[in-house]
Structure formats: C-alpha cells, structure tokens
Amino acid sequence: MNRILIGRCFPVAFGPPIPNVSDPSGLNCVDLPVADLGSSNKTGANFPTMAIDKAGNLYAVWSQAPINSSSQVTGDTVLKYSFSTDQGNTWAAPIQINTSGSPVGTLHNNVFAWPVAGDDGRVDIAWYGTPGVAPNPSNGPDSCNNCDWSLWLVQTLNGHAAAPTFTAPILASEHFIHRGTMNTLIGGQNGDAPLAIFCNCGWVQTVRRKSLTPTRIILTNPLRRTACSSGRTAVTLISGELAREHFGAGTV
C-alpha cells in the first residue's frame, strides 16, 4: 500500500473489450498514478479520497506513515495532498498538511481524511486527528492507546497554486469523539475500537468504544434531517456546515 492512483473512465459503446471503442461495461477505464510513496512509507488510514472543484480541478488527500522493514509504523501518521489541473494526467508533487497549529498542539495521528471542493481552487479537508503519540515502532494509529480523537478541518482558497496555503486545523467537533486506538490498514487493523465513520454525505455507521456510550454519527445530505434514539448523537451537514444535535443522556 505505497501507491496512490485514480481510475478515470469515459463511456464507449457496449460490446467486446476494444480499447477506446467498446467494452461490455460501456466504460473505458484507466488507472492514473498520483504518487509513489516508496518502500519506506505506507498509506491506508483508511483510504485515499478525491474531490473535483467547479473548474474541473482534481484534489487528492491520503494518510501516510513511515515504516520499517517489518512494516511497523515508526513515526506520525500525516496527511498528504496533491492536485491535478489536467484531468488527472499529471499531479503536483505531494505536500504535507501542516497540523502543528491546532488549538491542542500538533496532531500526530491523522486518519479518515475527506476533501470537498467548491469554486475554483477552494477545498476543505475534514479528518479525525489526535495530539496523542503512538509508540514507535508500533501499529501507529492502531496502537494509540488513550488517545482522544476529534474532528478537524482545514481550508485552502488556492488549492492548485504552486504552493497552496491552508488554514491551521480548526476543531469541528464540540469535543473529542473517540478515545483509544483506531482500526486502520496502516496499523494492520489491530485497533480494538473501530471508528467506522466516513466524512461523506449519506454514510451511517456505529461507533464502538470501550468506555463510552455507543454513539451514532450521521452525516446527511444538505437539509436532510435524521432522527436518533435516546443516547445517540446526530451530526447533520447543512449547506457545508456541521450542526450537532444531542438526544438523551450519555451522548458524547
């Protein structure tokens, strides 16, 4: 898991698999490389993600951690970012999102990143991060015992400039939303409390934690409301802003 690629498809006639002419699926698809992380780095916390702005520019975000010869994580799990202005044919050299300016200091472990793009060059990136430090070498986020994870966001208004600039990490959750280890591919899925939530409209998953009341986090489409039973928490995405609703005691 040391390469980032995108799949690009365009419609062709239904028929035998003849490149650029026809295919049983009706699509002609190619894999385009975004970045090669080399043998000393690994991705998979938990997937690379991509967004497209209104001008057609592409933005890719992924988590990345250094590893040793035994594939153990030996440092922070960071966020990487790249962009393409030619429909994915070429990509800018990846840069690291600076997480040192958060209100709680440097975020050392960063997972489940998700970008959203709007007008030309405007990109928001949300993810789960913690100032907690995992032991090294270890399973990285999956070994971050007693770490408090919160939802964070950064924004750029010049996302495909020669040197894009981002805001400092902004705390998007009212307080931490998960305590303990994560469960990621970077860590070999060794965490004991999977936070299976995707920062994307429409996904609904259940959070399992050792010491806190199970909580449902719901990210819905704009203006769509979803009710929760007592003891659950709803998070609704309305016009690009997160609004929290608390129901009953014991929510976090």
Protein backbone atom coordinates (compact mmCIF):
# COMPACT_ATOMS: atom_id res chain seq x y z
CA MET A 1 0.00 0.00 0.00
CA ASN A 2 2.54 2.53 -1.14
CA ARG A 3 0.99 3.97 -4.29
CA ILE A 4 -1.89 6.40 -4.87
CA LEU A 5 -3.83 6.05 -8.12
CA ILE A 6 -7.14 7.22 -9.55
CA GLY A 7 -9.38 5.45 -12.03
CA ARG A 8 -10.60 7.59 -14.92
CA CYS A 9 -13.40 6.33 -17.16
CA PHE A 10 -15.29 7.57 -20.19
CA PRO A 11 -18.28 5.99 -21.95
CA VAL A 12 -17.83 3.80 -25.00
CA ALA A 13 -20.18 1.53 -26.94
CA PHE A 14 -21.31 -1.71 -25.36
CA GLY A 15 -19.52 -4.61 -26.98
CA PRO A 16 -16.29 -6.60 -26.93
CA PRO A 17 -13.34 -5.15 -24.96
CA ILE A 18 -11.66 -2.97 -27.60
CA PRO A 19 -9.71 -0.03 -26.08
CA ASN A 20 -11.34 3.34 -26.77
CA VAL A 21 -14.02 1.67 -28.91
CA SER A 22 -16.25 -0.66 -26.90
CA ASP A 23 -16.47 -2.63 -23.66
CA PRO A 24 -19.02 -4.97 -22.01
CA SER A 25 -19.40 -2.41 -19.22
CA GLY A 26 -19.89 0.53 -21.56
CA LEU A 27 -16.87 2.25 -19.97
CA ASN A 28 -13.22 2.58 -20.90
CA CYS A 29 -11.17 2.97 -17.72
CA VAL A 30 -7.50 3.59 -17.00
CA ASP A 31 -5.54 3.83 -13.75
CA LEU A 32 -3.57 7.06 -13.43
CA PRO A 33 -0.73 7.43 -10.88
CA VAL A 34 -0.94 10.22 -8.31
CA ALA A 35 2.01 9.41 -6.04
CA ASP A 36 4.52 6.68 -5.28
CA LEU A 37 5.30 6.60 -1.56
CA GLY A 38 8.32 4.33 -1.88
CA SER A 39 9.17 1.32 0.26
CA SER A 40 9.62 3.32 3.47
CA ASN A 41 6.07 4.70 3.67
CA LYS A 42 2.60 3.23 3.81
CA THR A 43 -0.94 4.51 3.24
CA GLY A 44 -4.27 3.10 4.34
CA ALA A 45 -5.93 5.16 7.09
CA ASN A 46 -8.24 4.28 5.66
CA PHE A 47 -8.38 5.27 2.00
CA PRO A 48 -7.20 8.00 -0.37
CA THR A 49 -10.03 10.34 -1.36
CA MET A 50 -10.59 12.83 -4.15
CA ALA A 51 -12.68 15.93 -4.87
CA ILE A 52 -13.39 17.97 -8.02
CA ASP A 53 -13.96 21.73 -7.97
CA LYS A 54 -16.33 23.64 -10.26
CA ALA A 55 -13.48 24.37 -12.68
CA GLY A 56 -12.68 20.66 -13.10
CA ASN A 57 -9.50 20.58 -11.00
CA LEU A 58 -8.86 17.39 -9.01
CA TYR A 59 -7.65 17.17 -5.41
CA ALA A 60 -6.40 14.00 -3.69
CA VAL A 61 -5.83 13.50 0.03
CA TRP A 62 -4.46 10.49 1.90
CA SER A 63 -2.87 9.46 5.19
CA GLN A 64 0.74 8.32 5.19
CA ALA A 65 3.15 6.94 7.77
CA PRO A 66 6.82 5.92 7.73
CA ILE A 67 7.50 2.21 8.24
CA ASN A 68 10.47 -0.06 8.91
CA SER A 69 11.43 -3.28 7.12
CA SER A 70 8.81 -5.14 9.17
CA SER A 71 6.05 -2.72 8.08
CA GLN A 72 5.78 -1.29 11.60
CA VAL A 73 4.97 2.40 11.83
CA THR A 74 7.94 4.46 13.01
CA GLY A 75 6.52 7.99 13.12
CA ASP A 76 3.48 10.23 12.84
CA THR A 77 0.58 9.40 10.54
CA VAL A 78 0.30 12.58 8.47
CA LEU A 79 -1.98 13.95 5.75
CA LYS A 80 -0.69 14.31 2.20
CA TYR A 81 -2.25 16.43 -0.55
CA SER A 82 -1.86 16.71 -4.31
CA PHE A 83 -3.81 18.25 -7.19
CA SER A 84 -4.22 17.96 -10.94
CA THR A 85 -5.32 20.63 -13.39
CA ASP A 86 -5.36 18.37 -16.46
CA GLN A 87 -8.00 15.77 -15.58
CA GLY A 88 -5.59 13.54 -13.72
CA ASN A 89 -2.95 13.14 -16.42
CA THR A 90 -0.31 14.75 -14.19
CA TRP A 91 -0.22 15.56 -10.48
CA ALA A 92 1.64 18.09 -8.38
CA ALA A 93 4.32 16.85 -6.00
CA PRO A 94 2.53 15.87 -2.77
CA ILE A 95 2.73 18.25 0.16
CA GLN A 96 2.07 17.56 3.82
CA ILE A 97 -0.84 19.28 5.53
CA ASN A 98 0.58 21.19 8.50
CA THR A 99 -1.23 20.07 11.66
CA SER A 100 1.02 21.83 14.16
CA GLY A 101 -1.20 24.89 14.65
CA SER A 102 -4.27 23.25 16.17
CA PRO A 103 -5.68 24.52 19.49
CA VAL A 104 -4.30 21.40 21.18
CA GLY A 105 -0.89 21.49 19.51
CA THR A 106 0.46 19.19 16.83
CA LEU A 107 -1.90 16.44 15.68
CA HIS A 108 0.40 13.43 15.48
CA ASN A 109 -2.06 10.87 14.12
CA ASN A 110 -4.49 11.78 11.34
CA VAL A 111 -6.92 9.37 9.68
CA PHE A 112 -10.14 9.09 7.63
CA ALA A 113 -9.48 12.27 5.62
CA TRP A 114 -12.16 13.53 3.24
CA PRO A 115 -11.91 16.56 0.90
CA VAL A 116 -14.76 18.65 -0.52
CA ALA A 117 -14.16 21.20 -3.29
CA GLY A 118 -16.29 24.16 -4.35
CA ASP A 119 -15.32 27.14 -6.50
CA ASP A 120 -12.06 27.14 -8.43
CA GLY A 121 -9.24 26.33 -6.00
CA ARG A 122 -11.37 26.18 -2.86
CA VAL A 123 -11.01 22.96 -0.89
CA ASP A 124 -12.00 21.85 2.62
CA ILE A 125 -10.47 18.75 4.19
CA ALA A 126 -12.01 17.04 7.24
CA TRP A 127 -10.45 14.18 9.20
CA TYR A 128 -10.06 12.59 12.62
CA GLY A 129 -6.90 13.62 14.44
CA THR A 130 -5.31 13.43 17.86
CA PRO A 131 -2.38 15.09 19.62
CA GLY A 132 -1.66 11.68 21.12
CA VAL A 133 1.57 9.97 20.10
CA ALA A 134 1.70 6.27 19.33
CA PRO A 135 4.75 4.29 20.49
CA ASN A 136 7.39 3.62 17.86
CA PRO A 137 7.74 1.18 16.29
CA SER A 138 4.12 0.07 16.55
CA ASN A 139 0.86 -0.16 14.64
CA GLY A 140 0.61 3.62 14.51
CA PRO A 141 -2.99 4.82 14.98
CA ASP A 142 -3.96 1.29 15.99
CA SER A 143 -1.53 1.49 18.93
CA CYS A 144 -2.53 4.98 20.11
CA ASN A 145 -3.89 3.91 23.48
CA ASN A 146 -5.83 6.51 25.49
CA CYS A 147 -5.69 8.96 22.57
CA ASP A 148 -8.55 11.44 22.25
CA TRP A 149 -9.69 11.85 18.63
CA SER A 150 -11.60 14.89 17.36
CA LEU A 151 -12.98 16.03 14.02
CA TRP A 152 -10.74 18.64 12.38
CA LEU A 153 -10.92 20.78 9.27
CA VAL A 154 -8.53 22.84 7.15
CA GLN A 155 -9.34 25.05 4.16
CA THR A 156 -7.43 26.38 1.18
CA LEU A 157 -8.57 29.07 -1.24
CA ASN A 158 -5.71 28.48 -3.69
CA GLY A 159 -5.71 24.71 -3.85
CA HIS A 160 -3.89 24.40 -7.18
CA ALA A 161 -1.38 27.21 -6.73
CA ALA A 162 2.33 26.44 -6.93
CA ALA A 163 2.36 26.47 -3.12
CA PRO A 164 -1.19 26.04 -1.74
CA THR A 165 -1.80 27.61 1.66
CA PHE A 166 -4.05 26.07 4.30
CA THR A 167 -5.60 27.37 7.48
CA ALA A 168 -4.45 25.97 10.79
CA PRO A 169 -6.55 22.95 11.86
CA ILE A 170 -9.98 24.07 13.05
CA LEU A 171 -11.79 21.99 15.69
CA ALA A 172 -15.08 20.97 14.05
CA SER A 173 -16.41 18.73 16.81
CA GLU A 174 -17.59 20.14 20.13
CA HIS A 175 -15.22 17.80 21.97
CA PHE A 176 -13.34 14.60 21.28
CA ILE A 177 -15.49 11.90 19.69
CA HIS A 178 -13.42 8.80 20.33
CA ARG A 179 -10.92 7.65 22.95
CA GLY A 180 -8.48 4.84 22.38
CA THR A 181 -6.98 3.15 19.36
CA MET A 182 -8.15 3.32 15.74
CA ASN A 183 -8.61 0.48 13.29
CA THR A 184 -6.76 1.22 10.05
CA LEU A 185 -4.98 -0.53 7.24
CA ILE A 186 -1.83 1.40 8.13
CA GLY A 187 -1.95 -0.27 11.53
CA GLY A 188 -2.83 -3.69 10.17
CA GLN A 189 -6.39 -3.37 11.52
CA ASN A 190 -5.13 -4.03 15.04
CA GLY A 191 -7.16 -1.37 16.86
CA ASP A 192 -9.70 -2.51 19.45
CA ALA A 193 -12.25 0.25 18.82
CA PRO A 194 -13.02 0.82 15.13
CA LEU A 195 -14.33 4.28 14.32
CA ALA A 196 -16.07 3.31 11.09
CA ILE A 197 -17.31 6.74 10.10
CA PHE A 198 -16.78 8.32 6.72
CA CYS A 199 -16.78 12.09 6.25
CA ASN A 200 -19.19 11.86 3.36
CA CYS A 201 -22.86 12.64 2.84
CA GLY A 202 -25.12 9.68 3.33
CA TRP A 203 -22.88 7.21 5.22
CA VAL A 204 -24.16 5.95 8.56
CA GLN A 205 -22.04 3.78 10.84
CA THR A 206 -21.94 2.91 14.52
CA VAL A 207 -19.07 3.91 16.78
CA ARG A 208 -17.85 1.32 19.26
CA ARG A 209 -15.77 2.39 22.23
CA LYS A 210 -14.59 0.60 25.34
CA SER A 211 -15.69 3.10 27.96
CA LEU A 212 -18.24 5.43 26.38
CA THR A 213 -21.86 5.04 25.38
CA PRO A 214 -22.19 3.79 21.76
CA THR A 215 -22.86 6.80 19.57
CA ARG A 216 -24.23 7.09 16.09
CA ILE A 217 -22.72 9.85 13.95
CA ILE A 218 -24.80 10.68 10.89
CA LEU A 219 -23.54 12.83 8.05
CA THR A 220 -26.50 13.57 5.83
CA ASN A 221 -27.19 15.42 2.63
CA PRO A 222 -27.91 19.16 2.88
CA LEU A 223 -31.24 19.90 4.60
CA ARG A 224 -31.86 16.21 5.23
CA ARG A 225 -32.68 15.53 8.89
CA THR A 226 -32.24 12.16 10.56
CA ALA A 227 -33.73 11.37 13.95
CA CYS A 228 -31.76 9.46 16.59
CA SER A 229 -32.93 7.42 19.51
CA SER A 230 -32.13 8.39 23.09
CA GLY A 231 -28.46 8.17 23.87
CA ARG A 232 -27.38 8.83 20.29
CA THR A 233 -25.86 11.88 18.61
CA ALA A 234 -26.74 13.17 15.15
CA VAL A 235 -24.44 15.28 13.04
CA THR A 236 -26.12 16.93 10.08
CA LEU A 237 -24.31 18.55 7.15
CA ILE A 238 -26.32 21.63 6.19
CA SER A 239 -25.02 23.95 3.48
CA GLY A 240 -21.47 22.85 4.20
CA GLU A 241 -21.61 23.38 7.95
CA LEU A 242 -21.72 20.74 10.68
CA ALA A 243 -24.56 21.09 13.17
CA ARG A 244 -24.74 18.80 16.20
CA GLU A 245 -27.90 17.58 17.87
CA HIS A 246 -27.84 15.79 21.23
CA PHE A 247 -30.51 13.33 22.27
CA GLY A 248 -30.70 11.96 25.78
CA ALA A 249 -28.08 11.49 28.46
CA GLY A 250 -24.74 9.83 27.95
CA THR A 251 -24.01 11.22 24.50
CA VAL A 252 -20.53 12.47 23.67
